[in-house]
Amino acid sequence: MREFLRAEVELKEQYGSADPGLFSDSDTRFDSVEAFRAAVEDSHRSIEERVKSREEQLEADIRARYAERYGPLEIDIPGGEPPANGTGLPTLAQLHEMSMAQMDALEEKHPGAIDRIIATANVRG
């Protein structure tokens, strides 16, 4: 029984997305700690895959609706990091990493964007 209790604590930490129902009465539901571990790992992996698939689906839908209304959502941001400021524009740090050609493309696509990024950074300090 203690083995299962230790395993429960460890597995809850390690596999947070696993079905919580697996953790109740684990010592009577599973023949061994290894079987319990395998069930928790499978549950976690399955749920994570479904969540990831759903997130990708939602993102594709949002991008498609955005593209219908405003055109494609494409900004070349250095380092592959998404904008952290919620505006769809790069942050000041990301702007700093851009080449002049990238900045010109950004300004052509979003007139005044560079001024807004710098002004926002100056206001925030």
C-alpha atoms as a PDB file:
ATOM      1  CA  MET A   1       0.000   0.000   0.000  1.00  0.00           C
ATOM      2  CA  ARG A   2       2.806   2.410   0.818  1.00  0.00           C
ATOM      3  CA  GLU A   3       4.317   1.742  -2.590  1.00  0.00           C
ATOM      4  CA  PHE A   4       1.098   2.882  -4.224  1.00  0.00           C
ATOM      5  CA  LEU A   5       0.891   5.993  -2.044  1.00  0.00           C
ATOM      6  CA  ARG A   6       4.442   6.959  -2.956  1.00  0.00           C
ATOM      7  CA  ALA A   7       3.727   6.244  -6.599  1.00  0.00           C
ATOM      8  CA  GLU A   8       0.536   8.346  -6.485  1.00  0.00           C
ATOM      9  CA  VAL A   9       2.403  11.383  -5.191  1.00  0.00           C
ATOM     10  CA  GLU A  10       5.203  10.980  -7.727  1.00  0.00           C
ATOM     11  CA  LEU A  11       2.899  10.289 -10.669  1.00  0.00           C
ATOM     12  CA  LYS A  12       0.539  13.182  -9.883  1.00  0.00           C
ATOM     13  CA  GLU A  13       3.522  15.518 -10.012  1.00  0.00           C
ATOM     14  CA  GLN A  14       5.057  13.952 -13.087  1.00  0.00           C
ATOM     15  CA  TYR A  15       1.856  13.396 -15.102  1.00  0.00           C
ATOM     16  CA  GLY A  16      -0.439  16.272 -14.220  1.00  0.00           C
ATOM     17  CA  SER A  17      -2.771  15.727 -17.170  1.00  0.00           C
ATOM     18  CA  ALA A  18      -3.597  12.130 -16.290  1.00  0.00           C
ATOM     19  CA  ASP A  19      -7.185  11.207 -15.461  1.00  0.00           C
ATOM     20  CA  PRO A  20      -7.635  11.999 -11.735  1.00  0.00           C
ATOM     21  CA  GLY A  21      -9.871   8.948 -11.360  1.00  0.00           C
ATOM     22  CA  LEU A  22      -6.836   6.709 -11.770  1.00  0.00           C
ATOM     23  CA  PHE A  23      -5.487   7.886  -8.437  1.00  0.00           C
ATOM     24  CA  SER A  24      -8.376   6.767  -6.270  1.00  0.00           C
ATOM     25  CA  ASP A  25      -8.079   3.251  -4.856  1.00  0.00           C
ATOM     26  CA  SER A  26      -5.058   2.566  -7.047  1.00  0.00           C
ATOM     27  CA  ASP A  27      -3.859  -0.201  -4.736  1.00  0.00           C
ATOM     28  CA  THR A  28      -7.043  -2.211  -5.312  1.00  0.00           C
ATOM     29  CA  ARG A  29      -7.520  -1.351  -8.989  1.00  0.00           C
ATOM     30  CA  PHE A  30      -4.037  -2.260 -10.216  1.00  0.00           C
ATOM     31  CA  ASP A  31      -2.054  -5.464  -9.774  1.00  0.00           C
ATOM     32  CA  SER A  32       1.259  -3.654  -9.433  1.00  0.00           C
ATOM     33  CA  VAL A  33       2.800  -0.207  -9.199  1.00  0.00           C
ATOM     34  CA  GLU A  34       4.194  -0.748 -12.710  1.00  0.00           C
ATOM     35  CA  ALA A  35       0.692  -1.356 -14.103  1.00  0.00           C
ATOM     36  CA  PHE A  36      -0.518   1.752 -12.267  1.00  0.00           C
ATOM     37  CA  ARG A  37       2.385   3.786 -13.686  1.00  0.00           C
ATOM     38  CA  ALA A  38       1.663   2.537 -17.220  1.00  0.00           C
ATOM     39  CA  ALA A  39      -2.025   3.480 -16.952  1.00  0.00           C
ATOM     40  CA  VAL A  40      -1.181   6.969 -15.664  1.00  0.00           C
ATOM     41  CA  GLU A  41       1.430   7.509 -18.398  1.00  0.00           C
ATOM     42  CA  ASP A  42      -1.000   6.366 -21.115  1.00  0.00           C
ATOM     43  CA  SER A  43      -3.754   8.593 -19.753  1.00  0.00           C
ATOM     44  CA  HIS A  44      -1.433  11.607 -19.568  1.00  0.00           C
ATOM     45  CA  ARG A  45      -0.085  11.061 -23.085  1.00  0.00           C
ATOM     46  CA  SER A  46      -3.575  10.582 -24.535  1.00  0.00           C
ATOM     47  CA  ILE A  47      -4.954  13.727 -22.932  1.00  0.00           C
ATOM     48  CA  GLU A  48      -1.907  15.794 -23.905  1.00  0.00           C
ATOM     49  CA  GLU A  49      -2.246  14.650 -27.526  1.00  0.00           C
ATOM     50  CA  ARG A  50      -5.949  15.557 -27.600  1.00  0.00           C
ATOM     51  CA  VAL A  51      -5.276  18.966 -26.060  1.00  0.00           C
ATOM     52  CA  LYS A  52      -2.457  19.686 -28.513  1.00  0.00           C
ATOM     53  CA  SER A  53      -4.602  18.597 -31.461  1.00  0.00           C
ATOM     54  CA  ARG A  54      -7.470  20.815 -30.301  1.00  0.00           C
ATOM     55  CA  GLU A  55      -5.148  23.795 -29.770  1.00  0.00           C
ATOM     56  CA  GLU A  56      -3.733  23.377 -33.276  1.00  0.00           C
ATOM     57  CA  GLN A  57      -7.258  23.140 -34.677  1.00  0.00           C
ATOM     58  CA  LEU A  58      -8.365  26.286 -32.856  1.00  0.00           C
ATOM     59  CA  GLU A  59      -5.275  28.207 -33.929  1.00  0.00           C
ATOM     60  CA  ALA A  60      -5.817  27.206 -37.574  1.00  0.00           C
ATOM     61  CA  ASP A  61      -9.468  28.311 -37.359  1.00  0.00           C
ATOM     62  CA  ILE A  62      -8.529  31.643 -35.793  1.00  0.00           C
ATOM     63  CA  ARG A  63      -5.806  32.267 -38.379  1.00  0.00           C
ATOM     64  CA  ALA A  64      -8.240  31.430 -41.202  1.00  0.00           C
ATOM     65  CA  ARG A  65     -10.904  33.821 -39.867  1.00  0.00           C
ATOM     66  CA  TYR A  66      -8.273  36.517 -39.327  1.00  0.00           C
ATOM     67  CA  ALA A  67      -6.948  36.015 -42.877  1.00  0.00           C
ATOM     68  CA  GLU A  68     -10.456  36.321 -44.330  1.00  0.00           C
ATOM     69  CA  ARG A  69     -10.920  39.652 -42.645  1.00  0.00           C
ATOM     70  CA  TYR A  70      -7.433  41.231 -42.548  1.00  0.00           C
ATOM     71  CA  GLY A  71      -5.160  39.115 -44.729  1.00  0.00           C
ATOM     72  CA  PRO A  72      -2.563  36.567 -43.642  1.00  0.00           C
ATOM     73  CA  LEU A  73      -1.095  36.836 -40.163  1.00  0.00           C
ATOM     74  CA  GLU A  74       2.568  36.676 -41.072  1.00  0.00           C
ATOM     75  CA  ILE A  75       5.307  38.576 -39.293  1.00  0.00           C
ATOM     76  CA  ASP A  76       8.904  37.428 -39.438  1.00  0.00           C
ATOM     77  CA  ILE A  77      10.005  37.638 -35.818  1.00  0.00           C
ATOM     78  CA  PRO A  78      13.597  36.744 -34.961  1.00  0.00           C
ATOM     79  CA  GLY A  79      14.164  33.620 -32.944  1.00  0.00           C
ATOM     80  CA  GLY A  80      10.759  32.208 -33.764  1.00  0.00           C
ATOM     81  CA  GLU A  81       9.321  33.649 -30.570  1.00  0.00           C
ATOM     82  CA  PRO A  82       5.720  34.814 -30.685  1.00  0.00           C
ATOM     83  CA  PRO A  83       5.017  38.431 -29.827  1.00  0.00           C
ATOM     84  CA  ALA A  84       4.784  38.787 -26.060  1.00  0.00           C
ATOM     85  CA  ASN A  85       2.832  42.027 -26.076  1.00  0.00           C
ATOM     86  CA  GLY A  86      -0.533  40.818 -27.413  1.00  0.00           C
ATOM     87  CA  THR A  87      -0.565  43.291 -30.310  1.00  0.00           C
ATOM     88  CA  GLY A  88       0.693  40.953 -33.008  1.00  0.00           C
ATOM     89  CA  LEU A  89       3.718  43.194 -33.353  1.00  0.00           C
ATOM     90  CA  PRO A  90       7.198  42.319 -32.138  1.00  0.00           C
ATOM     91  CA  THR A  91       8.432  43.501 -28.772  1.00  0.00           C
ATOM     92  CA  LEU A  92      11.186  46.093 -28.499  1.00  0.00           C
ATOM     93  CA  ALA A  93      13.731  43.317 -27.850  1.00  0.00           C
ATOM     94  CA  GLN A  94      12.545  41.438 -30.932  1.00  0.00           C
ATOM     95  CA  LEU A  95      12.640  44.645 -32.958  1.00  0.00           C
ATOM     96  CA  HIS A  96      16.227  45.174 -31.808  1.00  0.00           C
ATOM     97  CA  GLU A  97      17.195  41.763 -33.234  1.00  0.00           C
ATOM     98  CA  MET A  98      15.666  42.491 -36.657  1.00  0.00           C
ATOM     99  CA  SER A  99      17.717  43.396 -39.699  1.00  0.00           C
ATOM    100  CA  MET A 100      16.969  46.607 -41.575  1.00  0.00           C
ATOM    101  CA  ALA A 101      15.271  44.563 -44.306  1.00  0.00           C
ATOM    102  CA  GLN A 102      13.002  42.936 -41.721  1.00  0.00           C
ATOM    103  CA  MET A 103      12.171  46.316 -40.201  1.00  0.00           C
ATOM    104  CA  ASP A 104      11.419  47.736 -43.662  1.00  0.00           C
ATOM    105  CA  ALA A 105       9.104  44.793 -44.372  1.00  0.00           C
ATOM    106  CA  LEU A 106       7.388  45.262 -41.017  1.00  0.00           C
ATOM    107  CA  GLU A 107       6.914  48.977 -41.623  1.00  0.00           C
ATOM    108  CA  GLU A 108       5.626  48.352 -45.139  1.00  0.00           C
ATOM    109  CA  LYS A 109       3.111  45.817 -43.892  1.00  0.00           C
ATOM    110  CA  HIS A 110       2.177  47.800 -40.755  1.00  0.00           C
ATOM    111  CA  PRO A 111       2.841  51.516 -41.304  1.00  0.00           C
ATOM    112  CA  GLY A 112       3.861  53.256 -38.097  1.00  0.00           C
ATOM    113  CA  ALA A 113       4.444  49.968 -36.236  1.00  0.00           C
ATOM    114  CA  ILE A 114       8.046  50.719 -35.305  1.00  0.00           C
ATOM    115  CA  ASP A 115       7.112  54.115 -33.867  1.00  0.00           C
ATOM    116  CA  ARG A 116       4.302  52.511 -31.840  1.00  0.00           C
ATOM    117  CA  ILE A 117       6.625  49.800 -30.489  1.00  0.00           C
ATOM    118  CA  ILE A 118       9.214  52.378 -29.427  1.00  0.00           C
ATOM    119  CA  ALA A 119       6.592  54.733 -27.958  1.00  0.00           C
ATOM    120  CA  THR A 120       5.066  51.889 -25.948  1.00  0.00           C
ATOM    121  CA  ALA A 121       8.496  50.906 -24.648  1.00  0.00           C
ATOM    122  CA  ASN A 122       9.211  54.515 -23.644  1.00  0.00           C
ATOM    123  CA  VAL A 123       5.900  54.789 -21.765  1.00  0.00           C
ATOM    124  CA  ARG A 124       6.486  51.525 -19.907  1.00  0.00           C
ATOM    125  CA  GLY A 125       9.942  52.638 -18.971  1.00  0.00           C
END
